Amino acid sequence: MDDVEKFVDALDVPRKKIAIRLRTFIAKDFLMLAEIYSWKMPVYIYNGKKIIYIQKGKDGINLGFNSGSRLIESRNIFHGEGKIMRHIKITSQAEIDQEYFTNLIQQAIDLAQGTTA
């Protein structure tokens, strides 16, 4: 069992289900992202740049964006007051909007490539 699997395995059942669904979605739809264990959580990188992360939050799982403040996010679901990083708080699987999250993740990848966002 690698460190990411240990991270997921240590979560309580509701958080574990959310984390597994996010990991599955990311692995399926974003083949160009590599999953690593960094900052004591799963982090997804593209060409050596950290793009997104899955973090245990107070009441659920946070899907974090390393360049979140630079993304176009129309639903106002980003949290965080730092200079660049933002995250989405997810407390149930029903809150995982793959289409919307796909758009945000693609924006983050494009930004890392220096193309758009």
N, C-alpha and C. Protein backbone atom coordinates (compact mmCIF):
# COMPACT_ATOMS: atom_id res chain seq x y z
N MET A 1 0.85 -1.18 0.00
CA MET A 1 0.00 0.00 0.00
C MET A 1 0.90 1.24 0.00
N ASP A 2 0.69 2.12 -0.98
CA ASP A 2 1.51 3.34 -1.03
C ASP A 2 0.93 4.41 -0.10
N ASP A 3 1.62 5.55 0.00
CA ASP A 3 1.22 6.60 0.94
C ASP A 3 -0.15 7.20 0.62
N VAL A 4 -0.50 7.33 -0.66
CA VAL A 4 -1.82 7.85 -1.02
C VAL A 4 -2.90 6.88 -0.57
N GLU A 5 -2.69 5.60 -0.82
CA GLU A 5 -3.67 4.59 -0.39
C GLU A 5 -3.80 4.58 1.14
N LYS A 6 -2.70 4.76 1.85
CA LYS A 6 -2.74 4.83 3.31
C LYS A 6 -3.53 6.05 3.77
N PHE A 7 -3.35 7.18 3.08
CA PHE A 7 -4.11 8.39 3.39
C PHE A 7 -5.60 8.12 3.28
N VAL A 8 -6.01 7.54 2.15
CA VAL A 8 -7.42 7.26 1.90
C VAL A 8 -7.94 6.23 2.90
N ASP A 9 -7.17 5.19 3.14
CA ASP A 9 -7.58 4.12 4.05
C ASP A 9 -7.81 4.63 5.47
N ALA A 10 -7.08 5.65 5.88
CA ALA A 10 -7.19 6.19 7.23
C ALA A 10 -8.41 7.11 7.42
N LEU A 11 -9.08 7.47 6.34
CA LEU A 11 -10.24 8.36 6.42
C LEU A 11 -11.46 7.61 6.95
N ASP A 12 -12.38 8.35 7.60
CA ASP A 12 -13.65 7.74 7.98
C ASP A 12 -14.45 7.46 6.70
N VAL A 13 -15.47 6.63 6.81
CA VAL A 13 -16.19 6.14 5.62
C VAL A 13 -16.74 7.26 4.74
N PRO A 14 -17.44 8.27 5.27
CA PRO A 14 -17.95 9.31 4.35
C PRO A 14 -16.84 10.03 3.58
N ARG A 15 -15.77 10.39 4.27
CA ARG A 15 -14.66 11.07 3.60
C ARG A 15 -13.97 10.13 2.60
N LYS A 16 -13.83 8.88 2.99
CA LYS A 16 -13.18 7.89 2.12
C LYS A 16 -13.94 7.76 0.81
N LYS A 17 -15.27 7.71 0.87
CA LYS A 17 -16.07 7.60 -0.35
C LYS A 17 -15.88 8.80 -1.26
N ILE A 18 -15.80 9.99 -0.68
CA ILE A 18 -15.58 11.20 -1.46
C ILE A 18 -14.20 11.16 -2.10
N ALA A 19 -13.19 10.82 -1.30
CA ALA A 19 -11.81 10.78 -1.80
C ALA A 19 -11.65 9.76 -2.92
N ILE A 20 -12.25 8.60 -2.75
CA ILE A 20 -12.16 7.56 -3.79
C ILE A 20 -12.84 8.04 -5.07
N ARG A 21 -13.99 8.65 -4.94
CA ARG A 21 -14.68 9.14 -6.14
C ARG A 21 -13.87 10.21 -6.85
N LEU A 22 -13.27 11.13 -6.09
CA LEU A 22 -12.43 12.16 -6.71
C LEU A 22 -11.21 11.55 -7.39
N ARG A 23 -10.53 10.63 -6.71
CA ARG A 23 -9.35 9.99 -7.29
C ARG A 23 -9.70 9.25 -8.57
N THR A 24 -10.83 8.54 -8.55
CA THR A 24 -11.25 7.78 -9.73
C THR A 24 -11.54 8.72 -10.89
N PHE A 25 -12.27 9.78 -10.62
CA PHE A 25 -12.62 10.77 -11.64
C PHE A 25 -11.36 11.43 -12.21
N ILE A 26 -10.45 11.82 -11.36
CA ILE A 26 -9.22 12.48 -11.81
C ILE A 26 -8.37 11.51 -12.64
N ALA A 27 -8.22 10.29 -12.16
CA ALA A 27 -7.41 9.30 -12.88
C ALA A 27 -8.00 8.99 -14.25
N LYS A 28 -9.30 8.95 -14.35
CA LYS A 28 -9.98 8.60 -15.61
C LYS A 28 -9.95 9.76 -16.61
N ASP A 29 -10.22 10.97 -16.12
CA ASP A 29 -10.38 12.11 -17.02
C ASP A 29 -9.12 12.95 -17.23
N PHE A 30 -8.13 12.77 -16.39
CA PHE A 30 -6.92 13.59 -16.50
C PHE A 30 -5.68 12.70 -16.47
N LEU A 31 -5.51 11.94 -17.53
CA LEU A 31 -4.39 11.00 -17.63
C LEU A 31 -3.03 11.70 -17.57
N MET A 32 -3.00 13.00 -17.91
CA MET A 32 -1.73 13.72 -17.92
C MET A 32 -1.26 14.12 -16.52
N LEU A 33 -2.14 13.98 -15.52
CA LEU A 33 -1.76 14.32 -14.15
C LEU A 33 -1.18 13.11 -13.44
N ALA A 34 -0.08 13.31 -12.76
CA ALA A 34 0.54 12.25 -11.96
C ALA A 34 0.14 12.45 -10.51
N GLU A 35 -0.25 11.37 -9.86
CA GLU A 35 -0.62 11.43 -8.45
C GLU A 35 0.61 11.13 -7.60
N ILE A 36 0.91 12.03 -6.67
CA ILE A 36 2.01 11.83 -5.74
C ILE A 36 1.50 12.07 -4.32
N TYR A 37 2.32 11.74 -3.36
CA TYR A 37 2.01 12.03 -1.97
C TYR A 37 2.95 13.14 -1.51
N SER A 38 2.37 14.29 -1.21
CA SER A 38 3.15 15.46 -0.80
C SER A 38 2.29 16.25 0.17
N TRP A 39 2.90 16.98 1.08
CA TRP A 39 2.16 17.76 2.06
C TRP A 39 1.23 16.88 2.90
N LYS A 40 1.54 15.58 3.00
CA LYS A 40 0.74 14.59 3.74
C LYS A 40 -0.64 14.38 3.13
N MET A 41 -0.73 14.47 1.79
CA MET A 41 -2.00 14.27 1.08
C MET A 41 -1.72 13.96 -0.39
N PRO A 42 -2.73 13.45 -1.10
CA PRO A 42 -2.58 13.24 -2.54
C PRO A 42 -2.50 14.58 -3.27
N VAL A 43 -1.51 14.70 -4.12
CA VAL A 43 -1.30 15.91 -4.92
C VAL A 43 -1.15 15.46 -6.37
N TYR A 44 -1.71 16.23 -7.27
CA TYR A 44 -1.66 15.91 -8.69
C TYR A 44 -0.80 16.94 -9.39
N ILE A 45 0.18 16.42 -10.13
CA ILE A 45 1.14 17.32 -10.78
C ILE A 45 1.09 17.16 -12.30
N TYR A 46 1.48 18.23 -12.95
CA TYR A 46 1.59 18.25 -14.41
C TYR A 46 2.92 18.91 -14.75
N ASN A 47 3.77 18.20 -15.44
CA ASN A 47 5.10 18.72 -15.80
C ASN A 47 5.83 19.29 -14.59
N GLY A 48 5.73 18.60 -13.46
CA GLY A 48 6.42 19.02 -12.25
C GLY A 48 5.73 20.10 -11.45
N LYS A 49 4.61 20.60 -11.93
CA LYS A 49 3.89 21.67 -11.23
C LYS A 49 2.69 21.08 -10.49
N LYS A 50 2.54 21.46 -9.23
CA LYS A 50 1.40 21.01 -8.43
C LYS A 50 0.15 21.74 -8.93
N ILE A 51 -0.86 20.96 -9.29
CA ILE A 51 -2.08 21.51 -9.89
C ILE A 51 -3.24 21.48 -8.89
N ILE A 52 -3.55 20.29 -8.36
CA ILE A 52 -4.66 20.12 -7.42
C ILE A 52 -4.23 19.15 -6.31
N TYR A 53 -5.03 19.13 -5.25
CA TYR A 53 -4.77 18.21 -4.15
C TYR A 53 -6.08 17.80 -3.49
N ILE A 54 -6.03 16.68 -2.80
CA ILE A 54 -7.17 16.17 -2.03
C ILE A 54 -6.75 16.20 -0.57
N GLN A 55 -7.50 16.94 0.24
CA GLN A 55 -7.13 17.17 1.63
C GLN A 55 -8.28 16.83 2.56
N LYS A 56 -7.97 16.24 3.71
CA LYS A 56 -8.98 15.99 4.72
C LYS A 56 -9.37 17.33 5.33
N GLY A 57 -10.66 17.64 5.24
CA GLY A 57 -11.17 18.88 5.81
C GLY A 57 -11.90 18.62 7.11
N LYS A 58 -12.33 19.68 7.73
CA LYS A 58 -13.02 19.57 9.03
C LYS A 58 -14.29 18.71 8.93
N ASP A 59 -15.08 18.94 7.90
CA ASP A 59 -16.35 18.23 7.77
C ASP A 59 -16.45 17.38 6.51
N GLY A 60 -15.35 17.23 5.80
CA GLY A 60 -15.39 16.45 4.56
C GLY A 60 -14.03 16.41 3.92
N ILE A 61 -14.02 16.56 2.62
CA ILE A 61 -12.79 16.56 1.83
C ILE A 61 -12.69 17.89 1.08
N ASN A 62 -11.49 18.42 1.03
CA ASN A 62 -11.25 19.63 0.24
C ASN A 62 -10.56 19.24 -1.06
N LEU A 63 -11.08 19.73 -2.16
CA LEU A 63 -10.41 19.62 -3.44
C LEU A 63 -9.73 20.96 -3.65
N GLY A 64 -8.40 20.95 -3.55
CA GLY A 64 -7.65 22.20 -3.59
C GLY A 64 -7.02 22.47 -4.94
N PHE A 65 -6.89 23.76 -5.24
CA PHE A 65 -6.30 24.23 -6.49
C PHE A 65 -5.14 25.15 -6.15
N ASN A 66 -3.96 24.77 -6.57
CA ASN A 66 -2.77 25.56 -6.25
C ASN A 66 -2.81 26.95 -6.84
N SER A 67 -3.50 27.12 -7.95
CA SER A 67 -3.62 28.44 -8.57
C SER A 67 -5.07 28.91 -8.59
N GLY A 68 -5.82 28.52 -7.57
CA GLY A 68 -7.27 28.77 -7.55
C GLY A 68 -7.69 30.22 -7.69
N SER A 69 -6.92 31.15 -7.15
CA SER A 69 -7.31 32.56 -7.24
C SER A 69 -7.23 33.08 -8.67
N ARG A 70 -6.57 32.35 -9.53
CA ARG A 70 -6.41 32.77 -10.92
C ARG A 70 -7.40 32.09 -11.86
N LEU A 71 -8.27 31.25 -11.31
CA LEU A 71 -9.24 30.52 -12.14
C LEU A 71 -10.57 31.26 -12.20
N ILE A 72 -11.32 31.02 -13.27
CA ILE A 72 -12.67 31.58 -13.41
C ILE A 72 -13.63 30.59 -12.76
N GLU A 73 -14.21 31.00 -11.65
CA GLU A 73 -15.07 30.12 -10.85
C GLU A 73 -16.38 30.86 -10.61
N SER A 74 -17.42 30.53 -11.35
CA SER A 74 -18.67 31.30 -11.37
C SER A 74 -19.65 30.97 -10.25
N ARG A 75 -19.46 29.87 -9.54
CA ARG A 75 -20.44 29.47 -8.52
C ARG A 75 -20.07 29.93 -7.11
N ASN A 76 -18.96 30.59 -6.98
CA ASN A 76 -18.50 31.07 -5.67
C ASN A 76 -18.41 29.95 -4.64
N ILE A 77 -17.84 28.83 -5.04
CA ILE A 77 -17.67 27.70 -4.11
C ILE A 77 -16.23 27.57 -3.63
N PHE A 78 -15.35 28.44 -4.08
CA PHE A 78 -13.97 28.42 -3.61
C PHE A 78 -13.90 29.00 -2.20
N HIS A 79 -13.05 28.39 -1.40
CA HIS A 79 -12.75 28.90 -0.07
C HIS A 79 -11.26 29.16 -0.01
N GLY A 80 -10.88 30.06 0.89
CA GLY A 80 -9.47 30.37 1.08
C GLY A 80 -9.22 31.84 0.85
N GLU A 81 -8.33 32.36 1.65
CA GLU A 81 -8.02 33.79 1.56
C GLU A 81 -6.56 34.05 1.25
N GLY A 82 -5.83 32.98 0.94
CA GLY A 82 -4.42 33.14 0.61
C GLY A 82 -4.25 33.86 -0.71
N LYS A 83 -3.01 34.13 -1.03
CA LYS A 83 -2.71 34.86 -2.25
C LYS A 83 -3.09 34.09 -3.51
N ILE A 84 -2.90 32.75 -3.50
CA ILE A 84 -3.12 31.99 -4.73
C ILE A 84 -4.01 30.76 -4.53
N MET A 85 -3.79 29.98 -3.49
CA MET A 85 -4.49 28.70 -3.32
C MET A 85 -5.96 28.90 -2.93
N ARG A 86 -6.81 28.00 -3.45
CA ARG A 86 -8.22 27.96 -3.10
C ARG A 86 -8.63 26.50 -3.01
N HIS A 87 -9.74 26.23 -2.32
CA HIS A 87 -10.24 24.86 -2.25
C HIS A 87 -11.77 24.85 -2.25
N ILE A 88 -12.31 23.70 -2.62
CA ILE A 88 -13.74 23.45 -2.61
C ILE A 88 -14.00 22.47 -1.48
N LYS A 89 -14.91 22.81 -0.59
CA LYS A 89 -15.28 21.92 0.51
C LYS A 89 -16.35 20.96 0.00
N ILE A 90 -16.10 19.67 0.16
CA ILE A 90 -17.04 18.64 -0.31
C ILE A 90 -17.42 17.79 0.90
N THR A 91 -18.72 17.79 1.23
CA THR A 91 -19.17 17.04 2.40
C THR A 91 -19.98 15.80 2.04
N SER A 92 -20.30 15.63 0.76
CA SER A 92 -21.01 14.43 0.32
C SER A 92 -20.67 14.16 -1.15
N GLN A 93 -20.84 12.92 -1.56
CA GLN A 93 -20.57 12.57 -2.96
C GLN A 93 -21.47 13.34 -3.92
N ALA A 94 -22.67 13.68 -3.46
CA ALA A 94 -23.62 14.41 -4.30
C ALA A 94 -23.10 15.79 -4.70
N GLU A 95 -22.15 16.32 -3.94
CA GLU A 95 -21.59 17.65 -4.23
C GLU A 95 -20.48 17.60 -5.29
N ILE A 96 -20.13 16.42 -5.74
CA ILE A 96 -19.09 16.29 -6.76
C ILE A 96 -19.72 16.49 -8.13
N ASP A 97 -19.51 17.66 -8.69
CA ASP A 97 -20.04 18.00 -10.01
C ASP A 97 -18.89 17.82 -11.01
N GLN A 98 -18.80 16.62 -11.57
CA GLN A 98 -17.67 16.29 -12.43
C GLN A 98 -17.51 17.25 -13.59
N GLU A 99 -18.60 17.66 -14.20
CA GLU A 99 -18.51 18.57 -15.34
C GLU A 99 -17.89 19.91 -14.92
N TYR A 100 -18.37 20.45 -13.82
CA TYR A 100 -17.86 21.73 -13.34
C TYR A 100 -16.42 21.59 -12.86
N PHE A 101 -16.13 20.53 -12.11
CA PHE A 101 -14.78 20.29 -11.61
C PHE A 101 -13.81 20.06 -12.77
N THR A 102 -14.28 19.40 -13.83
CA THR A 102 -13.45 19.18 -15.01
C THR A 102 -13.02 20.52 -15.60
N ASN A 103 -13.96 21.44 -15.69
CA ASN A 103 -13.66 22.76 -16.22
C ASN A 103 -12.59 23.45 -15.37
N LEU A 104 -12.74 23.40 -14.06
CA LEU A 104 -11.77 24.05 -13.17
C LEU A 104 -10.39 23.40 -13.25
N ILE A 105 -10.37 22.08 -13.26
CA ILE A 105 -9.08 21.37 -13.35
C ILE A 105 -8.41 21.66 -14.68
N GLN A 106 -9.19 21.67 -15.76
CA GLN A 106 -8.61 21.97 -17.07
C GLN A 106 -8.05 23.39 -17.11
N GLN A 107 -8.76 24.34 -16.51
CA GLN A 107 -8.24 25.71 -16.42
C GLN A 107 -6.90 25.73 -15.70
N ALA A 108 -6.81 24.97 -14.60
CA ALA A 108 -5.57 24.93 -13.81
C ALA A 108 -4.43 24.33 -14.63
N ILE A 109 -4.73 23.29 -15.40
CA ILE A 109 -3.71 22.69 -16.26
C ILE A 109 -3.28 23.68 -17.34
N ASP A 110 -4.27 24.34 -17.97
CA ASP A 110 -3.95 25.33 -19.00
C ASP A 110 -3.08 26.45 -18.44
N LEU A 111 -3.39 26.88 -17.23
CA LEU A 111 -2.61 27.91 -16.58
C LEU A 111 -1.17 27.45 -16.36
N ALA A 112 -1.02 26.21 -15.93
CA ALA A 112 0.32 25.64 -15.72
C ALA A 112 1.10 25.57 -17.04
N GLN A 113 0.37 25.36 -18.13
CA GLN A 113 0.99 25.31 -19.46
C GLN A 113 1.28 26.71 -19.99
N GLY A 114 0.66 27.70 -19.36
CA GLY A 114 0.83 29.07 -19.83
C GLY A 114 -0.06 29.42 -20.99
N THR A 115 -1.21 28.68 -21.12
CA THR A 115 -2.07 28.93 -22.28
C THR A 115 -3.25 29.84 -21.98
N THR A 116 -4.05 29.55 -20.94
CA THR A 116 -5.23 30.38 -20.66
C THR A 116 -5.51 30.47 -19.18
N ALA A 117 -6.64 31.10 -18.85
CA ALA A 117 -7.24 31.27 -17.52
C ALA A 117 -7.02 32.65 -16.99
